[in-house]
């Protein structure tokens, strides 16, 4: 009895292991390991895609995606010069003679058709907190034009359109975040984009990275600047006409050549800053002047 009592006294229990079972690491993944869990169903980004990079507050990625998806979808409808008519479903509506199994099969076919017709697809952002990546499926739609259309809609609506979106950044060309891929992508892409821009227009390279140390800032800027034509094009770091925006998020990179009059006028694509500026201008217009008050 004494031996049994002593063994009971010295027995310890791991409460967390009992409550969580063998999947303890799954519960502690986001809290103790410092890693942001990422869904496994998202499509991986691949070279040549066009997309949109959205920033938001941590833990608000899902809400941010829903907000941005609606904004981009409305803007896409406005940019489509020849919108295709939605194909009518050949399947007849549910009748009294239709069985439950037939109705379920019909709904599955409709869902598959809607998925194929999707114009925007969420991409895997590598689990980086506060980042949402969206692919533009229609290659004829330019990413910069789409983002500009969203900002123009904000100015037209004269009221706030989102709660969680911080920035909406266009990515005209997506590629793997590596110097080797940059060497292959930059010469052709940068040269083609600058071909139609006046030679006296100044430019600047803006580089931003998150969770990536392989692409060094100055090396990336020098590689991109070496592809700008003509070689004599002036550089203006403070107030450039054209901006080459490079975004790196973990193992995904994107580059865009922003035409004159867009980057600074649209608050460097800071959607919240544009919203605040719009609200401030409304207050100044509606506020009574000093003479009226007297």
C-alpha atoms as a PDB file:
ATOM      1  CA  UNK A   1       0.000   0.000   0.000  1.00  0.00           C
ATOM      2  CA  UNK A   2       2.814   2.367   0.794  1.00  0.00           C
ATOM      3  CA  UNK A   3       4.415   1.659  -2.582  1.00  0.00           C
ATOM      4  CA  UNK A   4       1.118   2.270  -4.335  1.00  0.00           C
ATOM      5  CA  UNK A   5       0.574   5.491  -2.452  1.00  0.00           C
ATOM      6  CA  UNK A   6       4.053   6.777  -3.253  1.00  0.00           C
ATOM      7  CA  UNK A   7       3.585   6.060  -6.954  1.00  0.00           C
ATOM      8  CA  UNK A   8       0.350   8.025  -6.933  1.00  0.00           C
ATOM      9  CA  UNK A   9       2.004  10.941  -5.204  1.00  0.00           C
ATOM     10  CA  UNK A  10       4.828  11.150  -7.732  1.00  0.00           C
ATOM     11  CA  UNK A  11       2.640  10.709 -10.847  1.00  0.00           C
ATOM     12  CA  UNK A  12       2.466  13.836 -13.058  1.00  0.00           C
ATOM     13  CA  UNK A  13       0.003  14.615 -15.791  1.00  0.00           C
ATOM     14  CA  UNK A  14       0.495  16.687 -18.969  1.00  0.00           C
ATOM     15  CA  UNK A  15      -2.852  18.471 -19.041  1.00  0.00           C
ATOM     16  CA  UNK A  16      -2.279  19.987 -22.493  1.00  0.00           C
ATOM     17  CA  UNK A  17      -1.437  16.593 -23.977  1.00  0.00           C
ATOM     18  CA  UNK A  18      -4.574  15.044 -22.484  1.00  0.00           C
ATOM     19  CA  UNK A  19      -6.846  17.834 -23.738  1.00  0.00           C
ATOM     20  CA  UNK A  20      -5.285  18.180 -27.186  1.00  0.00           C
ATOM     21  CA  UNK A  21      -4.253  14.593 -27.781  1.00  0.00           C
ATOM     22  CA  UNK A  22      -1.667  13.796 -30.415  1.00  0.00           C
ATOM     23  CA  UNK A  23      -2.438  16.936 -32.430  1.00  0.00           C
ATOM     24  CA  UNK A  24      -0.988  19.298 -29.871  1.00  0.00           C
ATOM     25  CA  UNK A  25       1.318  20.899 -32.427  1.00  0.00           C
ATOM     26  CA  UNK A  26      -1.649  21.926 -34.568  1.00  0.00           C
ATOM     27  CA  UNK A  27      -3.167  23.930 -31.744  1.00  0.00           C
ATOM     28  CA  UNK A  28       0.112  25.627 -30.932  1.00  0.00           C
ATOM     29  CA  UNK A  29       1.139  26.333 -34.504  1.00  0.00           C
ATOM     30  CA  UNK A  30      -0.146  29.859 -34.674  1.00  0.00           C
ATOM     31  CA  UNK A  31       0.487  30.849 -31.052  1.00  0.00           C
ATOM     32  CA  UNK A  32       3.869  29.484 -29.995  1.00  0.00           C
ATOM     33  CA  UNK A  33       5.777  28.642 -33.123  1.00  0.00           C
ATOM     34  CA  UNK A  34       5.311  32.139 -34.552  1.00  0.00           C
ATOM     35  CA  UNK A  35       4.161  30.768 -37.906  1.00  0.00           C
ATOM     36  CA  UNK A  36       1.038  31.930 -39.676  1.00  0.00           C
ATOM     37  CA  UNK A  37      -0.947  28.882 -40.846  1.00  0.00           C
ATOM     38  CA  UNK A  38      -1.767  28.932 -44.546  1.00  0.00           C
ATOM     39  CA  UNK A  39      -4.541  27.093 -46.343  1.00  0.00           C
ATOM     40  CA  UNK A  40      -3.464  24.247 -48.581  1.00  0.00           C
ATOM     41  CA  UNK A  41      -6.207  24.671 -51.184  1.00  0.00           C
ATOM     42  CA  UNK A  42      -4.893  27.912 -52.725  1.00  0.00           C
ATOM     43  CA  UNK A  43      -3.337  27.959 -56.172  1.00  0.00           C
ATOM     44  CA  UNK A  44       0.414  28.578 -56.337  1.00  0.00           C
ATOM     45  CA  UNK A  45       1.586  31.582 -58.326  1.00  0.00           C
ATOM     46  CA  UNK A  46       3.464  30.859 -61.546  1.00  0.00           C
ATOM     47  CA  UNK A  47       5.536  32.928 -63.948  1.00  0.00           C
ATOM     48  CA  UNK A  48       3.657  35.151 -66.358  1.00  0.00           C
ATOM     49  CA  UNK A  49       0.555  35.670 -64.252  1.00  0.00           C
ATOM     50  CA  UNK A  50      -0.937  39.097 -63.650  1.00  0.00           C
ATOM     51  CA  UNK A  51      -2.228  39.796 -60.195  1.00  0.00           C
ATOM     52  CA  UNK A  52      -3.029  42.130 -57.346  1.00  0.00           C
ATOM     53  CA  UNK A  53      -1.235  42.315 -53.998  1.00  0.00           C
ATOM     54  CA  UNK A  54      -3.398  43.517 -51.109  1.00  0.00           C
ATOM     55  CA  UNK A  55      -2.143  44.396 -47.650  1.00  0.00           C
ATOM     56  CA  UNK A  56      -4.286  44.419 -44.520  1.00  0.00           C
ATOM     57  CA  UNK A  57      -4.065  43.970 -40.781  1.00  0.00           C
ATOM     58  CA  UNK A  58      -2.995  40.628 -39.389  1.00  0.00           C
ATOM     59  CA  UNK A  59      -5.761  38.009 -39.016  1.00  0.00           C
ATOM     60  CA  UNK A  60      -8.022  39.970 -41.398  1.00  0.00           C
ATOM     61  CA  UNK A  61      -6.933  38.258 -44.618  1.00  0.00           C
ATOM     62  CA  UNK A  62     -10.264  36.493 -45.283  1.00  0.00           C
ATOM     63  CA  UNK A  63     -12.336  39.620 -44.802  1.00  0.00           C
ATOM     64  CA  UNK A  64      -9.868  41.602 -46.878  1.00  0.00           C
ATOM     65  CA  UNK A  65     -10.155  39.080 -49.715  1.00  0.00           C
ATOM     66  CA  UNK A  66     -13.949  39.257 -49.715  1.00  0.00           C
ATOM     67  CA  UNK A  67     -13.891  43.060 -49.802  1.00  0.00           C
ATOM     68  CA  UNK A  68     -11.285  43.248 -52.535  1.00  0.00           C
ATOM     69  CA  UNK A  69     -12.914  40.526 -54.621  1.00  0.00           C
ATOM     70  CA  UNK A  70     -16.140  42.517 -54.828  1.00  0.00           C
ATOM     71  CA  UNK A  71     -14.276  45.722 -55.717  1.00  0.00           C
ATOM     72  CA  UNK A  72     -12.165  44.085 -58.404  1.00  0.00           C
ATOM     73  CA  UNK A  73     -15.133  42.213 -59.862  1.00  0.00           C
ATOM     74  CA  UNK A  74     -17.091  45.438 -60.300  1.00  0.00           C
ATOM     75  CA  UNK A  75     -14.054  47.134 -61.832  1.00  0.00           C
ATOM     76  CA  UNK A  76     -13.534  44.215 -64.221  1.00  0.00           C
ATOM     77  CA  UNK A  77     -17.102  44.515 -65.466  1.00  0.00           C
ATOM     78  CA  UNK A  78     -16.451  48.174 -66.250  1.00  0.00           C
ATOM     79  CA  UNK A  79     -13.151  47.504 -68.050  1.00  0.00           C
ATOM     80  CA  UNK A  80     -14.503  44.723 -70.255  1.00  0.00           C
ATOM     81  CA  UNK A  81     -15.150  46.422 -73.590  1.00  0.00           C
ATOM     82  CA  UNK A  82     -17.060  43.452 -74.975  1.00  0.00           C
ATOM     83  CA  UNK A  83     -18.508  41.642 -72.001  1.00  0.00           C
ATOM     84  CA  UNK A  84     -19.463  38.125 -72.881  1.00  0.00           C
ATOM     85  CA  UNK A  85     -23.022  37.120 -72.316  1.00  0.00           C
ATOM     86  CA  UNK A  86     -23.465  34.657 -69.559  1.00  0.00           C
ATOM     87  CA  UNK A  87     -24.274  31.328 -71.202  1.00  0.00           C
ATOM     88  CA  UNK A  88     -27.710  30.117 -70.377  1.00  0.00           C
ATOM     89  CA  UNK A  89     -27.911  26.818 -68.646  1.00  0.00           C
ATOM     90  CA  UNK A  90     -29.346  24.198 -70.956  1.00  0.00           C
ATOM     91  CA  UNK A  91     -30.494  22.125 -68.032  1.00  0.00           C
ATOM     92  CA  UNK A  92     -34.171  22.602 -67.378  1.00  0.00           C
ATOM     93  CA  UNK A  93     -35.288  23.831 -63.957  1.00  0.00           C
ATOM     94  CA  UNK A  94     -36.290  21.422 -61.272  1.00  0.00           C
ATOM     95  CA  UNK A  95     -39.577  19.743 -61.983  1.00  0.00           C
ATOM     96  CA  UNK A  96     -41.744  17.565 -59.865  1.00  0.00           C
ATOM     97  CA  UNK A  97     -40.508  14.504 -61.776  1.00  0.00           C
ATOM     98  CA  UNK A  98     -36.839  15.318 -61.134  1.00  0.00           C
ATOM     99  CA  UNK A  99     -35.340  13.195 -58.406  1.00  0.00           C
ATOM    100  CA  UNK A 100     -33.170  14.546 -55.603  1.00  0.00           C
ATOM    101  CA  UNK A 101     -30.054  12.897 -57.024  1.00  0.00           C
ATOM    102  CA  UNK A 102     -30.649  14.480 -60.432  1.00  0.00           C
ATOM    103  CA  UNK A 103     -31.096  17.885 -58.817  1.00  0.00           C
ATOM    104  CA  UNK A 104     -27.820  17.502 -56.926  1.00  0.00           C
ATOM    105  CA  UNK A 105     -25.970  16.534 -60.100  1.00  0.00           C
ATOM    106  CA  UNK A 106     -27.402  19.555 -61.880  1.00  0.00           C
ATOM    107  CA  UNK A 107     -26.217  21.873 -59.106  1.00  0.00           C
ATOM    108  CA  UNK A 108     -22.739  20.339 -59.273  1.00  0.00           C
ATOM    109  CA  UNK A 109     -22.545  21.058 -62.999  1.00  0.00           C
ATOM    110  CA  UNK A 110     -23.618  24.651 -62.428  1.00  0.00           C
ATOM    111  CA  UNK A 111     -20.970  25.136 -59.748  1.00  0.00           C
ATOM    112  CA  UNK A 112     -18.260  23.751 -62.027  1.00  0.00           C
ATOM    113  CA  UNK A 113     -19.343  26.122 -64.791  1.00  0.00           C
ATOM    114  CA  UNK A 114     -19.180  29.096 -62.423  1.00  0.00           C
ATOM    115  CA  UNK A 115     -15.697  28.069 -61.263  1.00  0.00           C
ATOM    116  CA  UNK A 116     -14.397  27.910 -64.837  1.00  0.00           C
ATOM    117  CA  UNK A 117     -15.829  31.366 -65.540  1.00  0.00           C
ATOM    118  CA  UNK A 118     -14.062  32.923 -62.553  1.00  0.00           C
ATOM    119  CA  UNK A 119     -12.126  36.071 -63.416  1.00  0.00           C
ATOM    120  CA  UNK A 120     -10.243  36.347 -60.122  1.00  0.00           C
ATOM    121  CA  UNK A 121      -8.506  33.560 -58.199  1.00  0.00           C
ATOM    122  CA  UNK A 122      -6.868  33.806 -54.789  1.00  0.00           C
ATOM    123  CA  UNK A 123      -3.233  32.697 -54.812  1.00  0.00           C
ATOM    124  CA  UNK A 124      -1.048  31.214 -52.108  1.00  0.00           C
ATOM    125  CA  UNK A 125       0.803  34.044 -50.333  1.00  0.00           C
ATOM    126  CA  UNK A 126       3.098  31.643 -48.495  1.00  0.00           C
ATOM    127  CA  UNK A 127       1.374  32.120 -45.152  1.00  0.00           C
ATOM    128  CA  UNK A 128       2.608  35.715 -44.789  1.00  0.00           C
ATOM    129  CA  UNK A 129       0.314  37.548 -42.374  1.00  0.00           C
ATOM    130  CA  UNK A 130      -1.488  40.605 -43.681  1.00  0.00           C
ATOM    131  CA  UNK A 131      -0.964  39.694 -47.363  1.00  0.00           C
ATOM    132  CA  UNK A 132      -3.525  38.603 -49.962  1.00  0.00           C
ATOM    133  CA  UNK A 133      -2.599  37.657 -53.541  1.00  0.00           C
ATOM    134  CA  UNK A 134      -5.167  37.536 -56.343  1.00  0.00           C
ATOM    135  CA  UNK A 135      -4.639  36.403 -59.921  1.00  0.00           C
ATOM    136  CA  UNK A 136      -6.267  38.220 -62.847  1.00  0.00           C
ATOM    137  CA  UNK A 137      -7.397  35.386 -65.094  1.00  0.00           C
ATOM    138  CA  UNK A 138      -8.165  37.567 -68.127  1.00  0.00           C
ATOM    139  CA  UNK A 139      -4.772  38.326 -69.701  1.00  0.00           C
ATOM    140  CA  UNK A 140      -6.233  41.213 -71.712  1.00  0.00           C
ATOM    141  CA  UNK A 141      -6.887  43.217 -68.530  1.00  0.00           C
ATOM    142  CA  UNK A 142      -3.875  45.211 -67.356  1.00  0.00           C
ATOM    143  CA  UNK A 143      -3.283  45.070 -63.602  1.00  0.00           C
ATOM    144  CA  UNK A 144      -2.530  48.803 -63.362  1.00  0.00           C
ATOM    145  CA  UNK A 145      -5.715  49.722 -65.237  1.00  0.00           C
ATOM    146  CA  UNK A 146      -7.728  47.495 -62.911  1.00  0.00           C
ATOM    147  CA  UNK A 147      -6.318  49.096 -59.759  1.00  0.00           C
ATOM    148  CA  UNK A 148      -6.825  52.587 -61.186  1.00  0.00           C
ATOM    149  CA  UNK A 149     -10.459  51.700 -61.914  1.00  0.00           C
ATOM    150  CA  UNK A 150     -10.925  50.685 -58.270  1.00  0.00           C
ATOM    151  CA  UNK A 151      -9.486  53.995 -57.029  1.00  0.00           C
ATOM    152  CA  UNK A 152     -11.621  55.947 -59.504  1.00  0.00           C
ATOM    153  CA  UNK A 153     -14.688  54.176 -58.187  1.00  0.00           C
ATOM    154  CA  UNK A 154     -13.726  55.301 -54.680  1.00  0.00           C
ATOM    155  CA  UNK A 155     -13.594  58.927 -55.812  1.00  0.00           C
ATOM    156  CA  UNK A 156     -16.911  58.575 -57.627  1.00  0.00           C
ATOM    157  CA  UNK A 157     -18.749  56.895 -54.768  1.00  0.00           C
ATOM    158  CA  UNK A 158     -17.681  59.572 -52.276  1.00  0.00           C
ATOM    159  CA  UNK A 159     -17.806  57.124 -49.364  1.00  0.00           C
ATOM    160  CA  UNK A 160     -15.627  54.438 -47.836  1.00  0.00           C
ATOM    161  CA  UNK A 161     -15.710  51.107 -49.702  1.00  0.00           C
ATOM    162  CA  UNK A 162     -13.649  48.882 -47.396  1.00  0.00           C
ATOM    163  CA  UNK A 163     -12.787  48.337 -43.752  1.00  0.00           C
ATOM    164  CA  UNK A 164      -9.737  46.094 -43.855  1.00  0.00           C
ATOM    165  CA  UNK A 165      -7.869  46.942 -47.072  1.00  0.00           C
ATOM    166  CA  UNK A 166      -4.672  48.947 -46.638  1.00  0.00           C
ATOM    167  CA  UNK A 167      -3.047  48.897 -50.092  1.00  0.00           C
ATOM    168  CA  UNK A 168      -4.010  47.520 -53.513  1.00  0.00           C
ATOM    169  CA  UNK A 169      -0.833  47.065 -55.579  1.00  0.00           C
ATOM    170  CA  UNK A 170      -0.827  45.911 -59.226  1.00  0.00           C
ATOM    171  CA  UNK A 171       1.523  43.133 -60.360  1.00  0.00           C
ATOM    172  CA  UNK A 172       1.841  43.158 -64.141  1.00  0.00           C
ATOM    173  CA  UNK A 173       4.220  40.197 -64.199  1.00  0.00           C
ATOM    174  CA  UNK A 174       4.573  37.553 -61.483  1.00  0.00           C
ATOM    175  CA  UNK A 175       7.618  35.306 -61.209  1.00  0.00           C
ATOM    176  CA  UNK A 176       9.571  33.280 -58.683  1.00  0.00           C
ATOM    177  CA  UNK A 177      11.493  35.422 -56.195  1.00  0.00           C
ATOM    178  CA  UNK A 178      15.062  34.678 -57.265  1.00  0.00           C
ATOM    179  CA  UNK A 179      17.838  36.576 -59.002  1.00  0.00           C
ATOM    180  CA  UNK A 180      17.956  33.957 -61.756  1.00  0.00           C
ATOM    181  CA  UNK A 181      14.285  34.486 -62.636  1.00  0.00           C
ATOM    182  CA  UNK A 182      14.726  38.257 -62.418  1.00  0.00           C
ATOM    183  CA  UNK A 183      17.564  38.078 -64.955  1.00  0.00           C
ATOM    184  CA  UNK A 184      15.261  36.220 -67.344  1.00  0.00           C
ATOM    185  CA  UNK A 185      12.146  38.337 -66.821  1.00  0.00           C
ATOM    186  CA  UNK A 186      13.422  41.915 -66.460  1.00  0.00           C
ATOM    187  CA  UNK A 187      15.129  42.557 -69.844  1.00  0.00           C
ATOM    188  CA  UNK A 188      12.136  41.774 -72.045  1.00  0.00           C
ATOM    189  CA  UNK A 189       9.393  43.019 -69.722  1.00  0.00           C
ATOM    190  CA  UNK A 190      11.031  46.337 -68.755  1.00  0.00           C
ATOM    191  CA  UNK A 191      12.140  47.085 -72.314  1.00  0.00           C
ATOM    192  CA  UNK A 192       8.670  46.482 -73.748  1.00  0.00           C
ATOM    193  CA  UNK A 193       6.976  48.632 -71.121  1.00  0.00           C
ATOM    194  CA  UNK A 194       9.334  51.596 -71.609  1.00  0.00           C
ATOM    195  CA  UNK A 195       9.176  51.438 -75.406  1.00  0.00           C
ATOM    196  CA  UNK A 196       6.023  53.599 -75.548  1.00  0.00           C
ATOM    197  CA  UNK A 197       7.048  56.070 -72.822  1.00  0.00           C
ATOM    198  CA  UNK A 198       8.672  59.375 -73.901  1.00  0.00           C
ATOM    199  CA  UNK A 199      12.445  59.332 -73.531  1.00  0.00           C
ATOM    200  CA  UNK A 200      12.543  62.484 -71.402  1.00  0.00           C
ATOM    201  CA  UNK A 201      10.198  61.048 -68.752  1.00  0.00           C
ATOM    202  CA  UNK A 202      12.057  60.393 -65.507  1.00  0.00           C
ATOM    203  CA  UNK A 203      11.781  57.151 -63.582  1.00  0.00           C
ATOM    204  CA  UNK A 204      12.481  55.558 -60.227  1.00  0.00           C
ATOM    205  CA  UNK A 205      12.561  52.002 -58.866  1.00  0.00           C
ATOM    206  CA  UNK A 206      10.541  51.198 -55.746  1.00  0.00           C
ATOM    207  CA  UNK A 207      11.448  47.939 -54.020  1.00  0.00           C
ATOM    208  CA  UNK A 208       9.494  46.361 -51.157  1.00  0.00           C
ATOM    209  CA  UNK A 209       9.999  42.894 -49.713  1.00  0.00           C
ATOM    210  CA  UNK A 210       8.381  40.756 -47.040  1.00  0.00           C
ATOM    211  CA  UNK A 211       9.771  37.536 -45.574  1.00  0.00           C
ATOM    212  CA  UNK A 212      12.491  37.295 -48.218  1.00  0.00           C
ATOM    213  CA  UNK A 213      16.240  37.815 -47.928  1.00  0.00           C
ATOM    214  CA  UNK A 214      17.405  36.189 -51.165  1.00  0.00           C
ATOM    215  CA  UNK A 215      16.681  39.168 -53.434  1.00  0.00           C
ATOM    216  CA  UNK A 216      18.860  42.003 -52.181  1.00  0.00           C
ATOM    217  CA  UNK A 217      17.436  45.491 -52.497  1.00  0.00           C
ATOM    218  CA  UNK A 218      20.253  47.293 -54.326  1.00  0.00           C
ATOM    219  CA  UNK A 219      21.123  44.332 -56.548  1.00  0.00           C
ATOM    220  CA  UNK A 220      17.500  44.069 -57.662  1.00  0.00           C
ATOM    221  CA  UNK A 221      17.228  47.807 -58.354  1.00  0.00           C
ATOM    222  CA  UNK A 222      20.470  47.825 -60.373  1.00  0.00           C
ATOM    223  CA  UNK A 223      19.335  44.850 -62.475  1.00  0.00           C
ATOM    224  CA  UNK A 224      15.999  46.493 -63.250  1.00  0.00           C
ATOM    225  CA  UNK A 225      17.515  49.921 -63.943  1.00  0.00           C
ATOM    226  CA  UNK A 226      19.960  48.374 -66.413  1.00  0.00           C
ATOM    227  CA  UNK A 227      16.991  47.278 -68.559  1.00  0.00           C
ATOM    228  CA  UNK A 228      15.374  50.731 -68.775  1.00  0.00           C
ATOM    229  CA  UNK A 229      15.490  52.351 -72.207  1.00  0.00           C
ATOM    230  CA  UNK A 230      16.834  54.690 -73.341  1.00  0.00           C
ATOM    231  CA  UNK A 231      20.002  54.545 -71.277  1.00  0.00           C
ATOM    232  CA  UNK A 232      19.990  58.334 -71.010  1.00  0.00           C
ATOM    233  CA  UNK A 233      16.560  58.395 -69.351  1.00  0.00           C
ATOM    234  CA  UNK A 234      16.768  60.662 -66.272  1.00  0.00           C
ATOM    235  CA  UNK A 235      16.378  59.289 -62.756  1.00  0.00           C
ATOM    236  CA  UNK A 236      14.244  61.139 -60.229  1.00  0.00           C
ATOM    237  CA  UNK A 237      14.006  59.546 -56.805  1.00  0.00           C
ATOM    238  CA  UNK A 238      11.696  62.148 -55.242  1.00  0.00           C
ATOM    239  CA  UNK A 239       9.093  62.868 -57.898  1.00  0.00           C
ATOM    240  CA  UNK A 240       9.458  60.467 -60.856  1.00  0.00           C
ATOM    241  CA  UNK A 241       7.146  60.354 -63.846  1.00  0.00           C
ATOM    242  CA  UNK A 242       7.345  56.570 -64.183  1.00  0.00           C
ATOM    243  CA  UNK A 243       7.717  54.117 -61.305  1.00  0.00           C
ATOM    244  CA  UNK A 244       9.026  50.577 -61.598  1.00  0.00           C
ATOM    245  CA  UNK A 245       7.400  48.857 -58.602  1.00  0.00           C
ATOM    246  CA  UNK A 246       8.936  45.593 -57.413  1.00  0.00           C
ATOM    247  CA  UNK A 247       7.100  43.561 -54.777  1.00  0.00           C
ATOM    248  CA  UNK A 248       8.566  40.445 -53.148  1.00  0.00           C
ATOM    249  CA  UNK A 249       6.537  38.250 -50.783  1.00  0.00           C
ATOM    250  CA  UNK A 250       8.428  35.200 -49.594  1.00  0.00           C
ATOM    251  CA  UNK A 251       8.975  33.111 -52.756  1.00  0.00           C
ATOM    252  CA  UNK A 252       6.730  35.200 -55.047  1.00  0.00           C
ATOM    253  CA  UNK A 253       7.803  38.378 -56.826  1.00  0.00           C
ATOM    254  CA  UNK A 254       5.976  40.814 -59.068  1.00  0.00           C
ATOM    255  CA  UNK A 255       6.967  43.843 -61.112  1.00  0.00           C
ATOM    256  CA  UNK A 256       4.957  46.662 -62.661  1.00  0.00           C
ATOM    257  CA  UNK A 257       5.801  49.729 -64.725  1.00  0.00           C
ATOM    258  CA  UNK A 258       3.459  52.473 -63.536  1.00  0.00           C
ATOM    259  CA  UNK A 259       2.808  55.082 -66.268  1.00  0.00           C
ATOM    260  CA  UNK A 260       3.140  58.824 -65.571  1.00  0.00           C
ATOM    261  CA  UNK A 261       0.618  60.518 -63.311  1.00  0.00           C
ATOM    262  CA  UNK A 262      -0.569  57.424 -61.448  1.00  0.00           C
ATOM    263  CA  UNK A 263       1.754  56.373 -58.618  1.00  0.00           C
ATOM    264  CA  UNK A 264       1.803  59.666 -56.700  1.00  0.00           C
ATOM    265  CA  UNK A 265      -1.713  60.769 -57.644  1.00  0.00           C
ATOM    266  CA  UNK A 266      -3.138  57.521 -56.292  1.00  0.00           C
ATOM    267  CA  UNK A 267      -1.292  57.742 -52.977  1.00  0.00           C
ATOM    268  CA  UNK A 268       1.211  54.996 -53.888  1.00  0.00           C
ATOM    269  CA  UNK A 269      -1.800  52.652 -54.108  1.00  0.00           C
ATOM    270  CA  UNK A 270      -2.616  53.183 -50.429  1.00  0.00           C
ATOM    271  CA  UNK A 271      -6.354  52.646 -50.472  1.00  0.00           C
ATOM    272  CA  UNK A 272      -6.905  53.716 -46.897  1.00  0.00           C
ATOM    273  CA  UNK A 273      -4.927  56.917 -47.441  1.00  0.00           C
ATOM    274  CA  UNK A 274      -6.996  57.650 -50.544  1.00  0.00           C
ATOM    275  CA  UNK A 275     -10.172  57.056 -48.540  1.00  0.00           C
ATOM    276  CA  UNK A 276      -9.024  59.427 -45.789  1.00  0.00           C
ATOM    277  CA  UNK A 277      -8.121  62.088 -48.357  1.00  0.00           C
ATOM    278  CA  UNK A 278     -11.524  61.754 -50.011  1.00  0.00           C
ATOM    279  CA  UNK A 279     -13.342  62.085 -46.680  1.00  0.00           C
ATOM    280  CA  UNK A 280     -11.207  65.086 -45.734  1.00  0.00           C
ATOM    281  CA  UNK A 281     -12.026  66.835 -49.005  1.00  0.00           C
ATOM    282  CA  UNK A 282     -15.734  66.229 -48.404  1.00  0.00           C
ATOM    283  CA  UNK A 283     -15.490  67.808 -44.956  1.00  0.00           C
ATOM    284  CA  UNK A 284     -13.712  70.851 -46.367  1.00  0.00           C
ATOM    285  CA  UNK A 285     -16.368  71.302 -49.046  1.00  0.00           C
ATOM    286  CA  UNK A 286     -19.363  70.899 -46.738  1.00  0.00           C
ATOM    287  CA  UNK A 287     -17.907  72.831 -43.783  1.00  0.00           C
ATOM    288  CA  UNK A 288     -19.288  76.396 -43.486  1.00  0.00           C
ATOM    289  CA  UNK A 289     -16.809  79.199 -44.083  1.00  0.00           C
ATOM    290  CA  UNK A 290     -15.950  81.816 -41.469  1.00  0.00           C
ATOM    291  CA  UNK A 291     -17.932  84.508 -43.281  1.00  0.00           C
ATOM    292  CA  UNK A 292     -21.032  82.301 -43.331  1.00  0.00           C
ATOM    293  CA  UNK A 293     -20.672  81.643 -39.630  1.00  0.00           C
ATOM    294  CA  UNK A 294     -20.524  85.371 -38.909  1.00  0.00           C
END
